[in-house]
Amino acid sequence: MPTLFLIRHGENDYLKKNILPGRIPGVHLNDEGRQQAEALAAALKALPIAAIYSSPLERAVETASPLAHAKGLEIQVEPGLSDTDVGVWAGRSWKALGRTKQWKVIQQTPSQFRFPGGESFAENQERAVATLERIAASHRKDKMVAVIFHADPIKLAVAHYIGLPLDNFQRLTARTGSVTILKVDGPKIKLLALNLIPPFCFPD
C-alpha cells in the first residue's frame, strides 16, 4: 500500500462556535481555514503526491483545492470519507451535548455508543478503514496519496492500524489543518507522523 497522508480539513465557524457540524451541508472554511489549506499546499507541493481524495463535505473539498491546484491533480470525491453521521445531534452545541446522559458514554466507552439517528463509532471506523484500504489498493506502494477528511474518522482509522482499542481512540489528536502519515504494507504498519501542523519539512 502507498503512503497515506491523512489530512484534517481546515477551520470553520461551526468549530469556532463549538457547534457539532456532522454532515450539515454548507459548512465552509473561514479565513483561518483557508490559510490552513494554503499552508498545507505549500508544505506538501514538493512531494510526489499521485492522487488527492476528499470527503464530499465542502470544508474538506475546500481544504483539498489549493493542494490539487499546486499539483495539477483532480480532487477525487469519496463518499466513504464523509464525517461521522451524528444524526439529530448535528447543529447542536458542545455545551448542550455535554449535559446529555449519552455524553458520559462517548467519553468512557465510545465503542458502545450510537449517535441518535446516526451511526456508531464502530461503523464509522469500519467505513473509514474500508475506504482507505480501497484507495490504497488502487495505488502502488511507492506512491504518496493525500486524503482529506475529518477528525473522528482519521483518529478511528489510525487507532485501527496501530492496534489501539476503539474505547481509547479519543487519546489521539487530529487538529484542523493537520497531517497524519501512515505507511501500511500488508501486515507491516508504520505511523510515520501524527498531527503535524505546517510549516514542516521532510528529510531527503
C-alpha atoms as a PDB file:
ATOM      1  CA  MET A   1       0.000   0.000   0.000  1.00  0.00           C
ATOM      2  CA  PRO A   2       1.175   3.561  -0.595  1.00  0.00           C
ATOM      3  CA  THR A   3       1.990   6.194   1.968  1.00  0.00           C
ATOM      4  CA  LEU A   4      -1.251   7.832   3.067  1.00  0.00           C
ATOM      5  CA  PHE A   5      -1.331  11.482   4.124  1.00  0.00           C
ATOM      6  CA  LEU A   6      -4.442  11.761   6.281  1.00  0.00           C
ATOM      7  CA  ILE A   7      -5.311  15.456   6.361  1.00  0.00           C
ATOM      8  CA  ARG A   8      -7.975  17.028   8.514  1.00  0.00           C
ATOM      9  CA  HIS A   9      -9.899  19.862   6.895  1.00  0.00           C
ATOM     10  CA  GLY A  10      -9.318  23.469   7.931  1.00  0.00           C
ATOM     11  CA  GLU A  11     -11.056  25.644  10.495  1.00  0.00           C
ATOM     12  CA  ASN A  12     -14.681  26.720  10.071  1.00  0.00           C
ATOM     13  CA  ASP A  13     -17.175  28.816  12.004  1.00  0.00           C
ATOM     14  CA  TYR A  14     -19.050  25.814  13.389  1.00  0.00           C
ATOM     15  CA  LEU A  15     -15.897  24.689  15.171  1.00  0.00           C
ATOM     16  CA  LYS A  16     -15.128  28.230  16.311  1.00  0.00           C
ATOM     17  CA  LYS A  17     -18.584  28.414  17.885  1.00  0.00           C
ATOM     18  CA  ASN A  18     -18.280  24.908  19.406  1.00  0.00           C
ATOM     19  CA  ILE A  19     -21.125  23.526  17.312  1.00  0.00           C
ATOM     20  CA  LEU A  20     -21.111  19.936  16.038  1.00  0.00           C
ATOM     21  CA  PRO A  21     -21.436  20.138  12.228  1.00  0.00           C
ATOM     22  CA  GLY A  22     -21.662  16.456  11.367  1.00  0.00           C
ATOM     23  CA  ARG A  23     -22.822  16.237   7.757  1.00  0.00           C
ATOM     24  CA  ILE A  24     -24.691  19.549   7.623  1.00  0.00           C
ATOM     25  CA  PRO A  25     -24.261  20.952   4.084  1.00  0.00           C
ATOM     26  CA  GLY A  26     -22.838  24.401   3.505  1.00  0.00           C
ATOM     27  CA  VAL A  27     -20.167  24.400   6.224  1.00  0.00           C
ATOM     28  CA  HIS A  28     -17.321  26.282   4.524  1.00  0.00           C
ATOM     29  CA  LEU A  29     -13.806  27.177   5.598  1.00  0.00           C
ATOM     30  CA  ASN A  30     -13.424  30.523   7.324  1.00  0.00           C
ATOM     31  CA  ASP A  31     -10.420  32.814   6.817  1.00  0.00           C
ATOM     32  CA  GLU A  32      -8.269  30.779   9.194  1.00  0.00           C
ATOM     33  CA  GLY A  33      -9.283  27.565   7.458  1.00  0.00           C
ATOM     34  CA  ARG A  34      -8.373  28.954   4.042  1.00  0.00           C
ATOM     35  CA  GLN A  35      -4.970  29.959   5.393  1.00  0.00           C
ATOM     36  CA  GLN A  36      -4.514  26.435   6.742  1.00  0.00           C
ATOM     37  CA  ALA A  37      -5.388  24.976   3.339  1.00  0.00           C
ATOM     38  CA  GLU A  38      -2.818  27.203   1.638  1.00  0.00           C
ATOM     39  CA  ALA A  39      -0.205  26.253   4.255  1.00  0.00           C
ATOM     40  CA  LEU A  40      -0.856  22.565   3.619  1.00  0.00           C
ATOM     41  CA  ALA A  41      -0.417  23.060  -0.116  1.00  0.00           C
ATOM     42  CA  ALA A  42       2.854  24.918   0.438  1.00  0.00           C
ATOM     43  CA  ALA A  43       4.157  22.188   2.741  1.00  0.00           C
ATOM     44  CA  LEU A  44       3.199  19.263   0.504  1.00  0.00           C
ATOM     45  CA  LYS A  45       3.553  20.566  -3.057  1.00  0.00           C
ATOM     46  CA  ALA A  46       7.147  19.362  -3.430  1.00  0.00           C
ATOM     47  CA  LEU A  47       6.217  15.772  -2.583  1.00  0.00           C
ATOM     48  CA  PRO A  48       5.396  13.287  -5.377  1.00  0.00           C
ATOM     49  CA  ILE A  49       1.732  13.014  -4.451  1.00  0.00           C
ATOM     50  CA  ALA A  50      -0.014  10.856  -7.036  1.00  0.00           C
ATOM     51  CA  ALA A  51      -3.659  11.403  -6.113  1.00  0.00           C
ATOM     52  CA  ILE A  52      -5.905  13.512  -3.896  1.00  0.00           C
ATOM     53  CA  TYR A  53      -9.089  12.162  -2.335  1.00  0.00           C
ATOM     54  CA  SER A  54     -11.625  14.137  -0.323  1.00  0.00           C
ATOM     55  CA  SER A  55     -14.758  13.798   1.726  1.00  0.00           C
ATOM     56  CA  PRO A  56     -17.729  15.224  -0.187  1.00  0.00           C
ATOM     57  CA  LEU A  57     -18.340  17.867   2.503  1.00  0.00           C
ATOM     58  CA  GLU A  58     -17.445  21.413   1.478  1.00  0.00           C
ATOM     59  CA  ARG A  59     -14.912  22.043   4.242  1.00  0.00           C
ATOM     60  CA  ALA A  60     -12.857  19.060   3.084  1.00  0.00           C
ATOM     61  CA  VAL A  61     -13.052  19.820  -0.644  1.00  0.00           C
ATOM     62  CA  GLU A  62     -12.070  23.443   0.011  1.00  0.00           C
ATOM     63  CA  THR A  63      -9.071  22.239   2.034  1.00  0.00           C
ATOM     64  CA  ALA A  64      -8.020  19.935  -0.797  1.00  0.00           C
ATOM     65  CA  SER A  65      -8.348  22.586  -3.513  1.00  0.00           C
ATOM     66  CA  PRO A  66      -5.059  24.525  -3.048  1.00  0.00           C
ATOM     67  CA  LEU A  67      -3.054  21.291  -2.978  1.00  0.00           C
ATOM     68  CA  ALA A  68      -4.864  19.974  -6.048  1.00  0.00           C
ATOM     69  CA  HIS A  69      -4.123  23.236  -7.870  1.00  0.00           C
ATOM     70  CA  ALA A  70      -0.454  23.134  -6.827  1.00  0.00           C
ATOM     71  CA  LYS A  71      -0.066  19.530  -8.010  1.00  0.00           C
ATOM     72  CA  GLY A  72      -2.231  19.777 -11.123  1.00  0.00           C
ATOM     73  CA  LEU A  73      -4.447  16.950  -9.872  1.00  0.00           C
ATOM     74  CA  GLU A  74      -8.187  16.422  -9.801  1.00  0.00           C
ATOM     75  CA  ILE A  75      -9.899  16.014  -6.444  1.00  0.00           C
ATOM     76  CA  GLN A  76     -11.489  12.582  -6.283  1.00  0.00           C
ATOM     77  CA  VAL A  77     -14.541  12.856  -4.030  1.00  0.00           C
ATOM     78  CA  GLU A  78     -15.111   9.718  -1.978  1.00  0.00           C
ATOM     79  CA  PRO A  79     -18.399   9.386  -0.031  1.00  0.00           C
ATOM     80  CA  GLY A  80     -16.809   6.889   2.359  1.00  0.00           C
ATOM     81  CA  LEU A  81     -14.621   9.697   3.710  1.00  0.00           C
ATOM     82  CA  SER A  82     -17.592  11.737   4.945  1.00  0.00           C
ATOM     83  CA  ASP A  83     -17.738  12.889   8.548  1.00  0.00           C
ATOM     84  CA  THR A  84     -19.436  10.906  11.277  1.00  0.00           C
ATOM     85  CA  ASP A  85     -23.194  10.651  10.845  1.00  0.00           C
ATOM     86  CA  VAL A  86     -24.191  12.234  14.159  1.00  0.00           C
ATOM     87  CA  GLY A  87     -27.902  12.091  13.373  1.00  0.00           C
ATOM     88  CA  VAL A  88     -30.078  14.526  15.305  1.00  0.00           C
ATOM     89  CA  TRP A  89     -27.044  15.892  17.140  1.00  0.00           C
ATOM     90  CA  ALA A  90     -25.906  17.804  14.047  1.00  0.00           C
ATOM     91  CA  GLY A  91     -26.006  21.538  14.642  1.00  0.00           C
ATOM     92  CA  ARG A  92     -26.130  21.288  18.437  1.00  0.00           C
ATOM     93  CA  SER A  93     -23.605  22.985  20.699  1.00  0.00           C
ATOM     94  CA  TRP A  94     -20.964  21.023  22.584  1.00  0.00           C
ATOM     95  CA  LYS A  95     -22.192  22.689  25.772  1.00  0.00           C
ATOM     96  CA  ALA A  96     -25.719  21.352  25.301  1.00  0.00           C
ATOM     97  CA  LEU A  97     -24.474  17.905  24.306  1.00  0.00           C
ATOM     98  CA  GLY A  98     -22.233  17.777  27.376  1.00  0.00           C
ATOM     99  CA  ARG A  99     -25.347  17.882  29.545  1.00  0.00           C
ATOM    100  CA  THR A 100     -26.881  14.764  27.978  1.00  0.00           C
ATOM    101  CA  LYS A 101     -26.745  11.321  29.586  1.00  0.00           C
ATOM    102  CA  GLN A 102     -25.082   9.915  26.475  1.00  0.00           C
ATOM    103  CA  TRP A 103     -22.074  12.214  26.814  1.00  0.00           C
ATOM    104  CA  LYS A 104     -20.538  10.070  29.548  1.00  0.00           C
ATOM    105  CA  VAL A 105     -20.794   7.022  27.278  1.00  0.00           C
ATOM    106  CA  ILE A 106     -18.994   8.872  24.473  1.00  0.00           C
ATOM    107  CA  GLN A 107     -16.151   9.812  26.790  1.00  0.00           C
ATOM    108  CA  GLN A 108     -15.758   6.490  28.605  1.00  0.00           C
ATOM    109  CA  THR A 109     -16.946   3.718  26.274  1.00  0.00           C
ATOM    110  CA  PRO A 110     -17.390   5.099  22.746  1.00  0.00           C
ATOM    111  CA  SER A 111     -17.474   1.532  21.415  1.00  0.00           C
ATOM    112  CA  GLN A 112     -20.933   1.241  22.998  1.00  0.00           C
ATOM    113  CA  PHE A 113     -22.316   4.472  21.574  1.00  0.00           C
ATOM    114  CA  ARG A 114     -24.537   5.192  18.606  1.00  0.00           C
ATOM    115  CA  PHE A 115     -25.488   8.743  17.689  1.00  0.00           C
ATOM    116  CA  PRO A 116     -29.278   9.162  17.897  1.00  0.00           C
ATOM    117  CA  GLY A 117     -30.483   8.745  14.333  1.00  0.00           C
ATOM    118  CA  GLY A 118     -26.901   8.249  13.123  1.00  0.00           C
ATOM    119  CA  GLU A 119     -24.053   5.754  13.112  1.00  0.00           C
ATOM    120  CA  SER A 120     -21.926   4.147  15.811  1.00  0.00           C
ATOM    121  CA  PHE A 121     -18.209   4.767  16.218  1.00  0.00           C
ATOM    122  CA  ALA A 122     -17.643   1.119  15.278  1.00  0.00           C
ATOM    123  CA  GLU A 123     -19.495   1.641  11.987  1.00  0.00           C
ATOM    124  CA  ASN A 124     -17.591   4.873  11.424  1.00  0.00           C
ATOM    125  CA  GLN A 125     -14.290   3.068  11.941  1.00  0.00           C
ATOM    126  CA  GLU A 126     -15.258   0.209   9.644  1.00  0.00           C
ATOM    127  CA  ARG A 127     -16.296   2.657   6.919  1.00  0.00           C
ATOM    128  CA  ALA A 128     -13.146   4.778   7.207  1.00  0.00           C
ATOM    129  CA  VAL A 129     -10.790   1.792   7.165  1.00  0.00           C
ATOM    130  CA  ALA A 130     -12.581   0.119   4.251  1.00  0.00           C
ATOM    131  CA  THR A 131     -12.428   3.352   2.251  1.00  0.00           C
ATOM    132  CA  LEU A 132      -8.736   3.919   2.947  1.00  0.00           C
ATOM    133  CA  GLU A 133      -7.891   0.346   2.013  1.00  0.00           C
ATOM    134  CA  ARG A 134      -9.846   0.639  -1.223  1.00  0.00           C
ATOM    135  CA  ILE A 135      -7.983   3.856  -2.035  1.00  0.00           C
ATOM    136  CA  ALA A 136      -4.631   2.345  -1.129  1.00  0.00           C
ATOM    137  CA  ALA A 137      -5.252  -0.793  -3.178  1.00  0.00           C
ATOM    138  CA  SER A 138      -5.583   1.312  -6.326  1.00  0.00           C
ATOM    139  CA  HIS A 139      -2.063   2.767  -5.994  1.00  0.00           C
ATOM    140  CA  ARG A 140       1.396   1.222  -5.997  1.00  0.00           C
ATOM    141  CA  LYS A 141       3.144   1.046  -2.645  1.00  0.00           C
ATOM    142  CA  ASP A 142       5.824   3.529  -3.718  1.00  0.00           C
ATOM    143  CA  LYS A 143       3.202   6.250  -4.254  1.00  0.00           C
ATOM    144  CA  MET A 144       2.006   9.029  -1.945  1.00  0.00           C
ATOM    145  CA  VAL A 145      -1.698   9.756  -1.654  1.00  0.00           C
ATOM    146  CA  ALA A 146      -3.383  12.706   0.099  1.00  0.00           C
ATOM    147  CA  VAL A 147      -6.711  12.012   1.788  1.00  0.00           C
ATOM    148  CA  ILE A 148      -8.637  14.980   3.188  1.00  0.00           C
ATOM    149  CA  PHE A 149     -11.414  14.254   5.617  1.00  0.00           C
ATOM    150  CA  HIS A 150     -12.443  14.584   9.277  1.00  0.00           C
ATOM    151  CA  ALA A 151     -11.153  14.278  12.847  1.00  0.00           C
ATOM    152  CA  ASP A 152     -13.006  11.258  14.208  1.00  0.00           C
ATOM    153  CA  PRO A 153     -12.681   9.130  11.050  1.00  0.00           C
ATOM    154  CA  ILE A 154      -8.944   9.925  10.977  1.00  0.00           C
ATOM    155  CA  LYS A 155      -8.478   9.009  14.635  1.00  0.00           C
ATOM    156  CA  LEU A 156     -10.587   5.880  14.294  1.00  0.00           C
ATOM    157  CA  ALA A 157      -8.593   4.709  11.270  1.00  0.00           C
ATOM    158  CA  VAL A 158      -5.267   5.356  12.989  1.00  0.00           C
ATOM    159  CA  ALA A 159      -6.486   3.527  16.101  1.00  0.00           C
ATOM    160  CA  HIS A 160      -7.337   0.521  13.935  1.00  0.00           C
ATOM    161  CA  TYR A 161      -3.959   0.439  12.229  1.00  0.00           C
ATOM    162  CA  ILE A 162      -1.873   0.814  15.390  1.00  0.00           C
ATOM    163  CA  GLY A 163      -3.976  -1.620  17.406  1.00  0.00           C
ATOM    164  CA  LEU A 164      -5.440   0.946  19.801  1.00  0.00           C
ATOM    165  CA  PRO A 165      -8.784  -0.185  21.269  1.00  0.00           C
ATOM    166  CA  LEU A 166     -11.746   1.783  19.999  1.00  0.00           C
ATOM    167  CA  ASP A 167     -12.531   2.945  23.535  1.00  0.00           C
ATOM    168  CA  ASN A 168      -9.161   4.730  23.562  1.00  0.00           C
ATOM    169  CA  PHE A 169      -9.306   6.391  20.153  1.00  0.00           C
ATOM    170  CA  GLN A 170     -10.041   9.810  21.684  1.00  0.00           C
ATOM    171  CA  ARG A 171      -6.500   9.816  23.077  1.00  0.00           C
ATOM    172  CA  LEU A 172      -5.353  10.591  19.551  1.00  0.00           C
ATOM    173  CA  THR A 173      -5.428  14.110  18.145  1.00  0.00           C
ATOM    174  CA  ALA A 174      -6.111  15.456  14.660  1.00  0.00           C
ATOM    175  CA  ARG A 175      -6.237  19.245  14.738  1.00  0.00           C
ATOM    176  CA  THR A 176      -7.661  21.287  11.889  1.00  0.00           C
ATOM    177  CA  GLY A 177      -5.180  21.544   9.032  1.00  0.00           C
ATOM    178  CA  SER A 178      -3.048  18.702  10.406  1.00  0.00           C
ATOM    179  CA  VAL A 179      -1.324  15.834   8.604  1.00  0.00           C
ATOM    180  CA  THR A 180      -1.066  12.266   9.890  1.00  0.00           C
ATOM    181  CA  ILE A 181       1.066   9.893   7.823  1.00  0.00           C
ATOM    182  CA  LEU A 182       0.529   6.145   7.604  1.00  0.00           C
ATOM    183  CA  LYS A 183       2.584   3.582   5.742  1.00  0.00           C
ATOM    184  CA  VAL A 184       0.621   0.358   5.506  1.00  0.00           C
ATOM    185  CA  ASP A 185       2.279  -2.534   3.676  1.00  0.00           C
ATOM    186  CA  GLY A 186       0.317  -5.696   4.299  1.00  0.00           C
ATOM    187  CA  PRO A 187       0.822  -6.688   7.940  1.00  0.00           C
ATOM    188  CA  LYS A 188       3.589  -4.105   8.343  1.00  0.00           C
ATOM    189  CA  ILE A 189       2.142  -0.858   9.628  1.00  0.00           C
ATOM    190  CA  LYS A 190       4.057   2.299  10.429  1.00  0.00           C
ATOM    191  CA  LEU A 191       2.688   5.505  11.875  1.00  0.00           C
ATOM    192  CA  LEU A 192       5.216   7.933  10.428  1.00  0.00           C
ATOM    193  CA  ALA A 193       3.699  11.126  11.849  1.00  0.00           C
ATOM    194  CA  LEU A 194       0.692  12.211  13.881  1.00  0.00           C
ATOM    195  CA  ASN A 195      -0.992  15.614  13.889  1.00  0.00           C
ATOM    196  CA  LEU A 196       1.718  17.552  12.019  1.00  0.00           C
ATOM    197  CA  ILE A 197       0.928  21.237  11.557  1.00  0.00           C
ATOM    198  CA  PRO A 198       2.575  23.263   8.734  1.00  0.00           C
ATOM    199  CA  PRO A 199       5.107  24.628   8.241  1.00  0.00           C
ATOM    200  CA  PHE A 200       7.132  21.447   8.321  1.00  0.00           C
ATOM    201  CA  CYS A 201       9.705  19.760   6.119  1.00  0.00           C
ATOM    202  CA  PHE A 202      10.526  16.170   5.333  1.00  0.00           C
ATOM    203  CA  PRO A 203      14.029  14.668   5.277  1.00  0.00           C
ATOM    204  CA  ASP A 204      15.524  13.931   1.883  1.00  0.00           C
END
